[in-house]
C-alpha atoms as a PDB file:
ATOM      1  CA  MET A   1     -13.308  15.366  35.653  1.00  0.00           C
ATOM      2  CA  ASN A   2     -13.725  19.058  35.049  1.00  0.00           C
ATOM      3  CA  THR A   3     -10.229  19.224  33.554  1.00  0.00           C
ATOM      4  CA  PHE A   4     -11.185  16.859  31.110  1.00  0.00           C
ATOM      5  CA  ALA A   5     -12.891  16.919  28.237  1.00  0.00           C
ATOM      6  CA  TYR A   6     -14.882  13.789  27.208  1.00  0.00           C
ATOM      7  CA  TYR A   7     -17.281  13.458  23.755  1.00  0.00           C
ATOM      8  CA  ASN A   8     -19.506  11.155  22.030  1.00  0.00           C
ATOM      9  CA  CYS A   9     -18.232   9.334  19.155  1.00  0.00           C
ATOM     10  CA  LYS A  10     -20.195   9.773  16.191  1.00  0.00           C
ATOM     11  CA  LYS A  11     -20.337   5.947  15.321  1.00  0.00           C
ATOM     12  CA  CYS A  12     -20.648   4.090  18.248  1.00  0.00           C
ATOM     13  CA  SER A  13     -22.215   7.240  20.672  1.00  0.00           C
ATOM     14  CA  GLU A  14     -19.556   6.310  23.555  1.00  0.00           C
ATOM     15  CA  PRO A  15     -18.262   8.425  25.128  1.00  0.00           C
ATOM     16  CA  TYR A  16     -14.309   8.791  24.870  1.00  0.00           C
ATOM     17  CA  PHE A  17     -11.350  11.284  26.366  1.00  0.00           C
ATOM     18  CA  GLY A  18     -10.939  14.817  23.954  1.00  0.00           C
ATOM     19  CA  GLY A  19      -7.907  16.332  25.683  1.00  0.00           C
ATOM     20  CA  ARG A  20      -8.137  18.782  28.461  1.00  0.00           C
ATOM     21  CA  ARG A  21     -11.215  20.801  29.632  1.00  0.00           C
ATOM     22  CA  ASP A  22      -8.835  24.233  30.411  1.00  0.00           C
ATOM     23  CA  CYS A  23      -7.288  24.391  26.965  1.00  0.00           C
ATOM     24  CA  GLU A  24      -8.466  27.565  26.097  1.00  0.00           C
ATOM     25  CA  GLN A  25      -8.439  26.542  22.209  1.00  0.00           C
ATOM     26  CA  ASN A  26     -11.178  23.393  23.586  1.00  0.00           C
ATOM     27  CA  ALA A  27     -13.705  26.099  22.560  1.00  0.00           C
ATOM     28  CA  ASP A  28     -13.241  25.822  18.379  1.00  0.00           C
ATOM     29  CA  ALA A  29     -14.603  21.731  19.388  1.00  0.00           C
ATOM     30  CA  GLU A  30     -18.046  23.224  19.024  1.00  0.00           C
ATOM     31  CA  GLY A  31     -16.926  24.602  15.732  1.00  0.00           C
ATOM     32  CA  ARG A  32     -15.547  21.662  14.251  1.00  0.00           C
ATOM     33  CA  PRO A  33     -18.265  19.173  11.644  1.00  0.00           C
ATOM     34  CA  ALA A  34     -20.004  16.340  14.032  1.00  0.00           C
ATOM     35  CA  ASP A  35     -18.339  13.220  11.761  1.00  0.00           C
ATOM     36  CA  GLU A  36     -14.715  14.099  12.875  1.00  0.00           C
ATOM     37  CA  PHE A  37     -15.680  13.527  16.436  1.00  0.00           C
ATOM     38  CA  VAL A  38     -14.853   9.738  16.220  1.00  0.00           C
ATOM     39  CA  CYS A  39     -13.202   7.553  19.176  1.00  0.00           C
ATOM     40  CA  TYR A  40     -10.474   5.420  18.868  1.00  0.00           C
ATOM     41  CA  ASP A  41     -12.492   1.921  18.642  1.00  0.00           C
ATOM     42  CA  CYS A  42     -14.630   3.620  15.603  1.00  0.00           C
ATOM     43  CA  SER A  43     -11.643   5.053  13.785  1.00  0.00           C
ATOM     44  CA  ASP A  44     -10.550   4.111  10.400  1.00  0.00           C
ATOM     45  CA  LEU A  45      -7.040   5.416  10.082  1.00  0.00           C
ATOM     46  CA  LYS A  46      -6.244   2.837   7.533  1.00  0.00           C
ATOM     47  CA  ASN A  47      -2.184   2.710   9.168  1.00  0.00           C
ATOM     48  CA  VAL A  48      -2.814   1.134  11.840  1.00  0.00           C
ATOM     49  CA  ALA A  49      -1.017  -2.042  12.604  1.00  0.00           C
ATOM     50  CA  CYS A  50      -1.945  -3.014  16.179  1.00  0.00           C
ATOM     51  CA  ASN A  51      -5.476  -4.035  17.255  1.00  0.00           C
ATOM     52  CA  ILE A  52      -4.872  -4.665  20.880  1.00  0.00           C
ATOM     53  CA  PRO A  53      -6.711  -3.525  23.052  1.00  0.00           C
ATOM     54  CA  GLN A  54      -5.006  -2.391  25.806  1.00  0.00           C
ATOM     55  CA  HIS A  55      -2.641  -0.844  23.432  1.00  0.00           C
ATOM     56  CA  LYS A  56      -4.781   1.957  22.345  1.00  0.00           C
ATOM     57  CA  GLU A  57      -3.195   4.606  24.701  1.00  0.00           C
ATOM     58  CA  TYR A  58       0.023   3.558  23.600  1.00  0.00           C
ATOM     59  CA  HIS A  59      -0.445   4.582  19.772  1.00  0.00           C
ATOM     60  CA  LEU A  60       1.906   7.888  18.841  1.00  0.00           C
ATOM     61  CA  TYR A  61       0.514  10.248  16.428  1.00  0.00           C
ATOM     62  CA  LYS A  62       2.219  12.509  14.085  1.00  0.00           C
ATOM     63  CA  CYS A  63       1.285  16.325  14.521  1.00  0.00           C
ATOM     64  CA  ARG A  64      -1.764  17.215  12.195  1.00  0.00           C
ATOM     65  CA  PHE A  65       0.012  20.438  10.664  1.00  0.00           C
ATOM     66  CA  CYS A  66       3.595  19.348  10.558  1.00  0.00           C
ATOM     67  CA  CYS A  67       6.225  16.090  10.369  1.00  0.00           C
ATOM     68  CA  SER A  68       6.602  16.304  14.423  1.00  0.00           C
ATOM     69  CA  VAL A  69       5.299  13.490  17.048  1.00  0.00           C
ATOM     70  CA  ALA A  70       1.986  14.795  18.492  1.00  0.00           C
ATOM     71  CA  VAL A  71       2.029  15.339  22.168  1.00  0.00           C
ATOM     72  CA  TRP A  72      -1.465  17.288  22.580  1.00  0.00           C
ATOM     73  CA  PHE A  73      -4.712  16.010  21.697  1.00  0.00           C
ATOM     74  CA  CYS A  74      -7.706  18.127  21.434  1.00  0.00           C
ATOM     75  CA  TRP A  75     -11.292  19.238  20.022  1.00  0.00           C
ATOM     76  CA  GLY A  76     -11.679  15.625  20.318  1.00  0.00           C
ATOM     77  CA  THR A  77     -10.107  14.848  17.140  1.00  0.00           C
ATOM     78  CA  THR A  78      -6.802  16.539  16.629  1.00  0.00           C
ATOM     79  CA  HIS A  79      -3.042  15.898  17.332  1.00  0.00           C
ATOM     80  CA  PHE A  80      -0.625  18.506  17.913  1.00  0.00           C
ATOM     81  CA  CYS A  81       2.933  18.847  18.686  1.00  0.00           C
ATOM     82  CA  GLU A  82       4.209  21.101  21.398  1.00  0.00           C
ATOM     83  CA  PRO A  83       4.857  24.336  18.562  1.00  0.00           C
ATOM     84  CA  CYS A  84       1.544  23.625  16.511  1.00  0.00           C
ATOM     85  CA  HIS A  85      -0.107  23.745  19.966  1.00  0.00           C
ATOM     86  CA  SER A  86       1.554  26.795  21.427  1.00  0.00           C
ATOM     87  CA  ASP A  87       1.470  28.790  18.105  1.00  0.00           C
ATOM     88  CA  ARG A  88      -2.862  29.832  17.739  1.00  0.00           C
ATOM     89  CA  PRO A  89      -4.188  26.214  17.259  1.00  0.00           C
ATOM     90  CA  TRP A  90      -7.317  27.554  16.745  1.00  0.00           C
ATOM     91  CA  GLU A  91      -6.013  29.658  13.272  1.00  0.00           C
ATOM     92  CA  ARG A  92      -4.104  27.022  12.385  1.00  0.00           C
ATOM     93  CA  ALA A  93      -7.381  24.588  12.652  1.00  0.00           C
ATOM     94  CA  LYS A  94      -9.297  26.398  10.006  1.00  0.00           C
ATOM     95  CA  TRP A  95      -5.825  27.560   7.268  1.00  0.00           C
ATOM     96  CA  PRO A  96      -6.277  25.554   3.721  1.00  0.00           C
ATOM     97  CA  ARG A  97      -4.352  22.691   3.140  1.00  0.00           C
ATOM     98  CA  ASP A  98      -1.812  24.820   0.957  1.00  0.00           C
ATOM     99  CA  LYS A  99      -0.896  27.162   3.159  1.00  0.00           C
ATOM    100  CA  PHE A 100       0.843  24.199   5.629  1.00  0.00           C
ATOM    101  CA  LYS A 101       4.421  23.816   4.503  1.00  0.00           C
ATOM    102  CA  GLN A 102       4.140  19.656   2.875  1.00  0.00           C
ATOM    103  CA  CYS A 103       6.886  16.978   3.596  1.00  0.00           C
ATOM    104  CA  ARG A 104       8.670  15.916   0.359  1.00  0.00           C
ATOM    105  CA  GLY A 105       9.063  12.520   1.428  1.00  0.00           C
ATOM    106  CA  ARG A 106      10.275  10.041   3.894  1.00  0.00           C
ATOM    107  CA  GLU A 107      14.299  10.816   2.778  1.00  0.00           C
ATOM    108  CA  SER A 108      14.521  14.451   4.135  1.00  0.00           C
ATOM    109  CA  CYS A 109      11.345  13.654   6.640  1.00  0.00           C
ATOM    110  CA  ILE A 110      12.706  13.466  10.420  1.00  0.00           C
ATOM    111  CA  LEU A 111       9.702  11.123  10.613  1.00  0.00           C
ATOM    112  CA  LYS A 112      11.107   9.202   8.425  1.00  0.00           C
ATOM    113  CA  THR A 113       7.993   7.379   6.801  1.00  0.00           C
ATOM    114  CA  ASP A 114       5.782   7.930   3.886  1.00  0.00           C
ATOM    115  CA  HIS A 115       2.874   9.385   5.978  1.00  0.00           C
ATOM    116  CA  ALA A 116      -0.599  11.603   5.606  1.00  0.00           C
ATOM    117  CA  PRO A 117      -0.149  15.366   4.433  1.00  0.00           C
ATOM    118  CA  ASN A 118      -0.076  18.120   6.292  1.00  0.00           C
ATOM    119  CA  GLY A 119      -3.057  20.402   7.081  1.00  0.00           C
ATOM    120  CA  SER A 120      -5.892  20.864   9.178  1.00  0.00           C
ATOM    121  CA  GLU A 121      -8.566  17.931   7.631  1.00  0.00           C
ATOM    122  CA  ALA A 122      -9.404  14.901   8.785  1.00  0.00           C
ATOM    123  CA  ASP A 123      -7.815  12.930   6.918  1.00  0.00           C
ATOM    124  CA  CYS A 124      -4.325  14.340   7.843  1.00  0.00           C
ATOM    125  CA  GLU A 125      -4.236  12.745  10.966  1.00  0.00           C
ATOM    126  CA  TYR A 126      -1.966   9.985  10.764  1.00  0.00           C
ATOM    127  CA  SER A 127      -0.726   6.915  13.761  1.00  0.00           C
ATOM    128  CA  LEU A 128       2.977   6.611  13.513  1.00  0.00           C
ATOM    129  CA  GLY A 129       2.169   3.105  15.417  1.00  0.00           C
ATOM    130  CA  CYS A 130       2.258   1.413  18.913  1.00  0.00           C
ATOM    131  CA  ALA A 131       4.720   2.214  21.234  1.00  0.00           C
ATOM    132  CA  MET A 132       4.070  -0.812  23.334  1.00  0.00           C
ATOM    133  CA  CYS A 133       4.228  -3.022  19.878  1.00  0.00           C
ATOM    134  CA  ALA A 134       7.780  -0.789  18.569  1.00  0.00           C
ATOM    135  CA  ASP A 135       9.463  -1.814  22.626  1.00  0.00           C
ATOM    136  CA  ASP A 136       8.748  -5.404  22.166  1.00  0.00           C
ATOM    137  CA  ARG A 137      10.110  -5.801  18.768  1.00  0.00           C
ATOM    138  CA  LYS A 138      13.206  -4.046  19.559  1.00  0.00           C
ATOM    139  CA  LYS A 139      13.431  -6.224  23.105  1.00  0.00           C
ATOM    140  CA  THR A 140      12.848  -9.455  20.170  1.00  0.00           C
ATOM    141  CA  ARG A 141      16.005  -8.233  18.559  1.00  0.00           C
ATOM    142  CA  GLY A 142      18.216  -7.014  21.162  1.00  0.00           C
ATOM    143  CA  ARG A 143      17.954 -11.238  22.255  1.00  0.00           C
END
């Protein structure tokens, strides 16, 4: 249990997984606004189409800071791609939005979708969808 960080959801007070405890950047969780600590079930990401409870672990997220798929979840609030997680994320989390390179739109974006802006604010979190549902759709089309 000492390997993982758990936080209490601001809305329902239930504990939720918030990343690895040994991540040296995890110390920044103490400086995040309390209202950002929200579990998946209470999150209000407007673009989440899959509401199947068993699929919540299969949702893919955009890195909060760039146009890449996130592979890290830290501080109980923030999704990162590998390069952004490896390059001083504790500093990046304090930058104003105008310091981040912004996406020029779906046509030139590697994610090929419209998405939230890149930045340190909570509204920059974005779900790319459910991998389980995408796999089911792919299997259905293949029949």
